[in-house]
């Protein structure tokens, strides 16, 4: 089984590419954002560790994580941000490894790990190949504004806080440039790109 790490900055459109990979090539799709929500559920070991690190104030009265309070604390200080990532990535990676093992037992051909922080989390080490999705700044800004219903200024701040295209070009085995707003054209370009990539990575 080939494990493909899929990553890219906000607004680049990696989710769309991941969907095509799953539908057209039958790849098992692992969304680490969903796993990140799962590992911090009420009563989980991860939530307990976060409480010990950041204080009981991050826990709501109902016992669930108050994401806003945690974000306010963690993103105000680089050291605390790194601590947050260290804790959550351990639990996320554990879940990803379990999914990979299950897929291998089922003799799946491909598995995609969709992870915005693929390299920062160390999940790239679980992959046979890595694929980065990039797009120009203007396109990404427009997509984020439309997708998240936020202002252009907020979208720009989000982009500034993330990795630039050069990071993905340097670190990924494959890079897909996903500019433009025509979805049908993107699908066509993606199909050509992915046919070539899957041909190269298949034994």
C-alpha atoms as a PDB file:
ATOM      1  CA  UNK A   1       0.000   0.000   0.000  1.00  0.00           C
ATOM      2  CA  UNK A   2       1.228   3.460  -0.892  1.00  0.00           C
ATOM      3  CA  UNK A   3       0.703   6.166   1.724  1.00  0.00           C
ATOM      4  CA  UNK A   4       0.412   9.652   0.211  1.00  0.00           C
ATOM      5  CA  UNK A   5       0.838  12.736   2.371  1.00  0.00           C
ATOM      6  CA  UNK A   6      -1.364  15.557   1.086  1.00  0.00           C
ATOM      7  CA  UNK A   7      -0.660  19.067   2.308  1.00  0.00           C
ATOM      8  CA  UNK A   8      -0.840  22.722   1.319  1.00  0.00           C
ATOM      9  CA  UNK A   9      -1.604  26.166   2.677  1.00  0.00           C
ATOM     10  CA  UNK A  10      -5.099  27.430   3.459  1.00  0.00           C
ATOM     11  CA  UNK A  11      -7.065  28.187   0.310  1.00  0.00           C
ATOM     12  CA  UNK A  12      -4.806  26.168  -1.992  1.00  0.00           C
ATOM     13  CA  UNK A  13      -7.554  23.598  -2.546  1.00  0.00           C
ATOM     14  CA  UNK A  14      -5.974  20.407  -1.221  1.00  0.00           C
ATOM     15  CA  UNK A  15      -9.346  19.158   0.027  1.00  0.00           C
ATOM     16  CA  UNK A  16     -10.686  19.222  -3.530  1.00  0.00           C
ATOM     17  CA  UNK A  17      -7.664  17.332  -4.805  1.00  0.00           C
ATOM     18  CA  UNK A  18      -8.005  14.806  -1.984  1.00  0.00           C
ATOM     19  CA  UNK A  19     -11.640  14.213  -2.932  1.00  0.00           C
ATOM     20  CA  UNK A  20     -10.666  13.497  -6.539  1.00  0.00           C
ATOM     21  CA  UNK A  21      -7.924  11.117  -5.390  1.00  0.00           C
ATOM     22  CA  UNK A  22     -10.369   9.248  -3.182  1.00  0.00           C
ATOM     23  CA  UNK A  23     -13.157   9.032  -5.767  1.00  0.00           C
ATOM     24  CA  UNK A  24     -11.119   8.362  -8.913  1.00  0.00           C
ATOM     25  CA  UNK A  25      -8.394   6.138  -7.508  1.00  0.00           C
ATOM     26  CA  UNK A  26     -10.190   4.469  -4.579  1.00  0.00           C
ATOM     27  CA  UNK A  27      -7.730   5.837  -2.040  1.00  0.00           C
ATOM     28  CA  UNK A  28      -8.574   5.662   1.662  1.00  0.00           C
ATOM     29  CA  UNK A  29      -8.945   9.282   2.777  1.00  0.00           C
ATOM     30  CA  UNK A  30      -7.707  10.279   6.242  1.00  0.00           C
ATOM     31  CA  UNK A  31      -8.689  13.799   7.331  1.00  0.00           C
ATOM     32  CA  UNK A  32      -6.428  14.832  10.219  1.00  0.00           C
ATOM     33  CA  UNK A  33      -8.644  17.846  10.981  1.00  0.00           C
ATOM     34  CA  UNK A  34     -11.467  15.444  11.863  1.00  0.00           C
ATOM     35  CA  UNK A  35      -9.105  13.302  13.912  1.00  0.00           C
ATOM     36  CA  UNK A  36      -7.921  16.435  15.750  1.00  0.00           C
ATOM     37  CA  UNK A  37     -11.510  17.041  16.893  1.00  0.00           C
ATOM     38  CA  UNK A  38     -11.944  13.415  17.896  1.00  0.00           C
ATOM     39  CA  UNK A  39      -8.851  13.193  20.120  1.00  0.00           C
ATOM     40  CA  UNK A  40      -9.926  16.161  22.281  1.00  0.00           C
ATOM     41  CA  UNK A  41     -13.425  14.868  23.004  1.00  0.00           C
ATOM     42  CA  UNK A  42     -14.779  15.014  26.558  1.00  0.00           C
ATOM     43  CA  UNK A  43     -12.886  12.740  28.948  1.00  0.00           C
ATOM     44  CA  UNK A  44     -10.091  11.921  26.500  1.00  0.00           C
ATOM     45  CA  UNK A  45      -6.430  11.550  27.597  1.00  0.00           C
ATOM     46  CA  UNK A  46      -5.481  14.323  25.174  1.00  0.00           C
ATOM     47  CA  UNK A  47      -7.960  16.756  26.725  1.00  0.00           C
ATOM     48  CA  UNK A  48      -6.665  15.913  30.190  1.00  0.00           C
ATOM     49  CA  UNK A  49      -3.106  16.597  29.086  1.00  0.00           C
ATOM     50  CA  UNK A  50      -4.163  19.911  27.524  1.00  0.00           C
ATOM     51  CA  UNK A  51      -5.881  20.887  30.771  1.00  0.00           C
ATOM     52  CA  UNK A  52      -2.715  20.147  32.740  1.00  0.00           C
ATOM     53  CA  UNK A  53      -0.638  22.205  30.307  1.00  0.00           C
ATOM     54  CA  UNK A  54      -2.960  25.189  29.769  1.00  0.00           C
ATOM     55  CA  UNK A  55      -5.193  25.252  32.847  1.00  0.00           C
ATOM     56  CA  UNK A  56      -8.743  24.172  33.663  1.00  0.00           C
ATOM     57  CA  UNK A  57     -10.032  27.402  32.100  1.00  0.00           C
ATOM     58  CA  UNK A  58      -9.913  25.750  28.676  1.00  0.00           C
ATOM     59  CA  UNK A  59     -12.595  23.274  29.768  1.00  0.00           C
ATOM     60  CA  UNK A  60     -16.229  24.387  29.500  1.00  0.00           C
ATOM     61  CA  UNK A  61     -18.754  23.613  32.250  1.00  0.00           C
ATOM     62  CA  UNK A  62     -20.084  20.715  30.192  1.00  0.00           C
ATOM     63  CA  UNK A  63     -16.612  19.124  30.233  1.00  0.00           C
ATOM     64  CA  UNK A  64     -15.812  19.787  26.603  1.00  0.00           C
ATOM     65  CA  UNK A  65     -12.903  21.767  25.214  1.00  0.00           C
ATOM     66  CA  UNK A  66     -13.413  25.497  24.824  1.00  0.00           C
ATOM     67  CA  UNK A  67     -11.499  25.888  21.580  1.00  0.00           C
ATOM     68  CA  UNK A  68     -11.538  29.671  21.622  1.00  0.00           C
ATOM     69  CA  UNK A  69      -9.988  29.889  25.102  1.00  0.00           C
ATOM     70  CA  UNK A  70      -7.326  27.355  24.175  1.00  0.00           C
ATOM     71  CA  UNK A  71      -6.533  29.235  20.964  1.00  0.00           C
ATOM     72  CA  UNK A  72      -6.317  32.559  22.832  1.00  0.00           C
ATOM     73  CA  UNK A  73      -3.721  31.064  25.184  1.00  0.00           C
ATOM     74  CA  UNK A  74      -1.753  28.936  22.729  1.00  0.00           C
ATOM     75  CA  UNK A  75      -1.494  31.412  19.875  1.00  0.00           C
ATOM     76  CA  UNK A  76      -0.411  34.290  22.103  1.00  0.00           C
ATOM     77  CA  UNK A  77       2.960  32.704  22.740  1.00  0.00           C
ATOM     78  CA  UNK A  78       5.195  30.681  20.411  1.00  0.00           C
ATOM     79  CA  UNK A  79       6.357  28.373  23.198  1.00  0.00           C
ATOM     80  CA  UNK A  80       2.761  27.587  24.183  1.00  0.00           C
ATOM     81  CA  UNK A  81       1.822  27.059  20.535  1.00  0.00           C
ATOM     82  CA  UNK A  82       4.605  24.488  20.195  1.00  0.00           C
ATOM     83  CA  UNK A  83       3.417  22.775  23.373  1.00  0.00           C
ATOM     84  CA  UNK A  84      -0.120  22.566  21.976  1.00  0.00           C
ATOM     85  CA  UNK A  85       1.153  20.999  18.756  1.00  0.00           C
ATOM     86  CA  UNK A  86       3.401  18.576  20.618  1.00  0.00           C
ATOM     87  CA  UNK A  87       0.492  17.271  22.706  1.00  0.00           C
ATOM     88  CA  UNK A  88      -2.137  17.059  19.975  1.00  0.00           C
ATOM     89  CA  UNK A  89       0.169  15.689  17.266  1.00  0.00           C
ATOM     90  CA  UNK A  90       1.084  12.717  19.456  1.00  0.00           C
ATOM     91  CA  UNK A  91      -2.555  11.642  19.743  1.00  0.00           C
ATOM     92  CA  UNK A  92      -3.410  12.464  16.126  1.00  0.00           C
ATOM     93  CA  UNK A  93      -0.434  10.461  14.844  1.00  0.00           C
ATOM     94  CA  UNK A  94      -1.439   7.496  17.016  1.00  0.00           C
ATOM     95  CA  UNK A  95      -4.886   7.481  15.397  1.00  0.00           C
ATOM     96  CA  UNK A  96      -3.424   7.840  11.902  1.00  0.00           C
ATOM     97  CA  UNK A  97      -1.127   4.852  12.512  1.00  0.00           C
ATOM     98  CA  UNK A  98      -4.125   2.722  13.548  1.00  0.00           C
ATOM     99  CA  UNK A  99      -5.972   3.657  10.344  1.00  0.00           C
ATOM    100  CA  UNK A 100      -2.914   2.805   8.244  1.00  0.00           C
ATOM    101  CA  UNK A 101      -2.639  -0.608   9.919  1.00  0.00           C
ATOM    102  CA  UNK A 102      -6.313  -1.362   9.254  1.00  0.00           C
ATOM    103  CA  UNK A 103      -5.982  -0.306   5.609  1.00  0.00           C
ATOM    104  CA  UNK A 104      -2.916  -2.516   5.185  1.00  0.00           C
ATOM    105  CA  UNK A 105      -4.806  -5.524   6.590  1.00  0.00           C
ATOM    106  CA  UNK A 106      -7.603  -4.852   4.095  1.00  0.00           C
ATOM    107  CA  UNK A 107      -4.973  -4.764   1.345  1.00  0.00           C
ATOM    108  CA  UNK A 108      -5.910  -1.256   0.223  1.00  0.00           C
ATOM    109  CA  UNK A 109      -3.847   0.107  -2.648  1.00  0.00           C
ATOM    110  CA  UNK A 110      -3.592   3.778  -1.620  1.00  0.00           C
ATOM    111  CA  UNK A 111      -4.115   5.841   1.520  1.00  0.00           C
ATOM    112  CA  UNK A 112      -4.099   9.641   1.715  1.00  0.00           C
ATOM    113  CA  UNK A 113      -3.144  11.552   4.857  1.00  0.00           C
ATOM    114  CA  UNK A 114      -4.651  15.022   4.439  1.00  0.00           C
ATOM    115  CA  UNK A 115      -2.675  17.155   6.883  1.00  0.00           C
ATOM    116  CA  UNK A 116      -2.108  20.936   6.807  1.00  0.00           C
ATOM    117  CA  UNK A 117       0.847  20.406   9.175  1.00  0.00           C
ATOM    118  CA  UNK A 118       2.159  17.244   7.527  1.00  0.00           C
ATOM    119  CA  UNK A 119       5.834  18.061   8.104  1.00  0.00           C
ATOM    120  CA  UNK A 120       5.452  19.918  11.408  1.00  0.00           C
ATOM    121  CA  UNK A 121       3.561  16.968  12.924  1.00  0.00           C
ATOM    122  CA  UNK A 122       6.018  14.369  11.659  1.00  0.00           C
ATOM    123  CA  UNK A 123       3.246  12.617   9.719  1.00  0.00           C
ATOM    124  CA  UNK A 124       5.370  12.902   6.576  1.00  0.00           C
ATOM    125  CA  UNK A 125       7.484  10.093   8.062  1.00  0.00           C
ATOM    126  CA  UNK A 126       4.468   7.782   7.720  1.00  0.00           C
ATOM    127  CA  UNK A 127       4.253   8.513   3.974  1.00  0.00           C
ATOM    128  CA  UNK A 128       5.819   6.954   0.915  1.00  0.00           C
ATOM    129  CA  UNK A 129       5.381  10.176  -1.072  1.00  0.00           C
ATOM    130  CA  UNK A 130       4.236  13.709  -0.295  1.00  0.00           C
ATOM    131  CA  UNK A 131       2.049  15.967  -2.434  1.00  0.00           C
ATOM    132  CA  UNK A 132       1.788  19.717  -1.905  1.00  0.00           C
ATOM    133  CA  UNK A 133      -0.987  21.863  -3.355  1.00  0.00           C
ATOM    134  CA  UNK A 134      -0.163  25.496  -4.051  1.00  0.00           C
ATOM    135  CA  UNK A 135      -2.008  28.500  -5.496  1.00  0.00           C
ATOM    136  CA  UNK A 136      -1.295  32.189  -5.954  1.00  0.00           C
ATOM    137  CA  UNK A 137      -2.080  34.536  -3.090  1.00  0.00           C
ATOM    138  CA  UNK A 138      -5.003  36.287  -4.786  1.00  0.00           C
ATOM    139  CA  UNK A 139      -6.753  33.002  -5.561  1.00  0.00           C
ATOM    140  CA  UNK A 140      -6.227  31.697  -2.038  1.00  0.00           C
ATOM    141  CA  UNK A 141      -7.562  34.903  -0.499  1.00  0.00           C
ATOM    142  CA  UNK A 142     -10.723  34.758  -2.625  1.00  0.00           C
ATOM    143  CA  UNK A 143     -11.309  31.103  -1.748  1.00  0.00           C
ATOM    144  CA  UNK A 144     -10.854  31.644   1.990  1.00  0.00           C
ATOM    145  CA  UNK A 145     -13.223  34.649   2.020  1.00  0.00           C
ATOM    146  CA  UNK A 146     -15.876  32.645   0.172  1.00  0.00           C
ATOM    147  CA  UNK A 147     -15.379  29.393   2.099  1.00  0.00           C
ATOM    148  CA  UNK A 148     -15.161  30.758   5.640  1.00  0.00           C
ATOM    149  CA  UNK A 149     -17.272  33.893   5.154  1.00  0.00           C
ATOM    150  CA  UNK A 150     -14.620  36.164   6.611  1.00  0.00           C
ATOM    151  CA  UNK A 151     -13.180  39.516   5.542  1.00  0.00           C
ATOM    152  CA  UNK A 152     -10.337  39.849   3.081  1.00  0.00           C
ATOM    153  CA  UNK A 153      -8.174  41.277   5.884  1.00  0.00           C
ATOM    154  CA  UNK A 154      -8.805  38.192   8.049  1.00  0.00           C
ATOM    155  CA  UNK A 155      -8.018  35.926   5.117  1.00  0.00           C
ATOM    156  CA  UNK A 156      -4.747  37.771   4.533  1.00  0.00           C
ATOM    157  CA  UNK A 157      -3.775  37.341   8.195  1.00  0.00           C
ATOM    158  CA  UNK A 158      -4.421  33.615   7.946  1.00  0.00           C
ATOM    159  CA  UNK A 159      -2.249  33.384   4.842  1.00  0.00           C
ATOM    160  CA  UNK A 160       0.541  35.394   6.491  1.00  0.00           C
ATOM    161  CA  UNK A 161       0.529  33.025   9.467  1.00  0.00           C
ATOM    162  CA  UNK A 162       1.039  29.954   7.289  1.00  0.00           C
ATOM    163  CA  UNK A 163       3.726  28.497   5.052  1.00  0.00           C
ATOM    164  CA  UNK A 164       4.410  29.997   1.639  1.00  0.00           C
ATOM    165  CA  UNK A 165       4.517  28.090  -1.650  1.00  0.00           C
ATOM    166  CA  UNK A 166       8.300  27.826  -1.527  1.00  0.00           C
ATOM    167  CA  UNK A 167       8.078  25.592   1.559  1.00  0.00           C
ATOM    168  CA  UNK A 168       5.892  23.034  -0.221  1.00  0.00           C
ATOM    169  CA  UNK A 169       7.914  23.186  -3.439  1.00  0.00           C
ATOM    170  CA  UNK A 170      11.087  22.501  -1.452  1.00  0.00           C
ATOM    171  CA  UNK A 171       9.761  19.725   0.791  1.00  0.00           C
ATOM    172  CA  UNK A 172       7.160  17.799  -1.236  1.00  0.00           C
ATOM    173  CA  UNK A 173       7.876  15.047  -3.752  1.00  0.00           C
ATOM    174  CA  UNK A 174       5.056  16.311  -5.994  1.00  0.00           C
ATOM    175  CA  UNK A 175       3.492  19.767  -6.295  1.00  0.00           C
ATOM    176  CA  UNK A 176       0.159  20.596  -7.939  1.00  0.00           C
ATOM    177  CA  UNK A 177      -0.441  24.226  -8.894  1.00  0.00           C
ATOM    178  CA  UNK A 178      -4.138  24.922  -8.368  1.00  0.00           C
ATOM    179  CA  UNK A 179      -4.872  28.444  -9.641  1.00  0.00           C
ATOM    180  CA  UNK A 180      -8.063  29.754 -11.199  1.00  0.00           C
ATOM    181  CA  UNK A 181     -11.732  29.578 -10.267  1.00  0.00           C
ATOM    182  CA  UNK A 182     -13.049  27.244 -12.970  1.00  0.00           C
ATOM    183  CA  UNK A 183     -13.728  23.971 -11.124  1.00  0.00           C
ATOM    184  CA  UNK A 184     -14.151  21.870 -14.276  1.00  0.00           C
ATOM    185  CA  UNK A 185     -10.782  23.092 -15.572  1.00  0.00           C
ATOM    186  CA  UNK A 186      -9.194  22.278 -12.216  1.00  0.00           C
ATOM    187  CA  UNK A 187     -10.634  18.749 -12.346  1.00  0.00           C
ATOM    188  CA  UNK A 188      -9.243  18.252 -15.836  1.00  0.00           C
ATOM    189  CA  UNK A 189      -5.774  19.508 -14.847  1.00  0.00           C
ATOM    190  CA  UNK A 190      -5.861  17.454 -11.655  1.00  0.00           C
ATOM    191  CA  UNK A 191      -6.764  14.304 -13.562  1.00  0.00           C
ATOM    192  CA  UNK A 192      -3.793  14.708 -15.898  1.00  0.00           C
ATOM    193  CA  UNK A 193      -1.463  15.453 -12.986  1.00  0.00           C
ATOM    194  CA  UNK A 194      -2.737  12.587 -10.803  1.00  0.00           C
ATOM    195  CA  UNK A 195      -2.693  10.013 -13.621  1.00  0.00           C
ATOM    196  CA  UNK A 196       1.004  10.750 -14.063  1.00  0.00           C
ATOM    197  CA  UNK A 197       1.732  10.742 -10.325  1.00  0.00           C
ATOM    198  CA  UNK A 198      -0.121   7.496  -9.591  1.00  0.00           C
ATOM    199  CA  UNK A 199       1.566   5.862 -12.572  1.00  0.00           C
ATOM    200  CA  UNK A 200       4.983   6.789 -11.159  1.00  0.00           C
ATOM    201  CA  UNK A 201       4.312   5.688  -7.585  1.00  0.00           C
ATOM    202  CA  UNK A 202       2.614   2.387  -8.412  1.00  0.00           C
ATOM    203  CA  UNK A 203       4.836  -0.639  -8.337  1.00  0.00           C
END
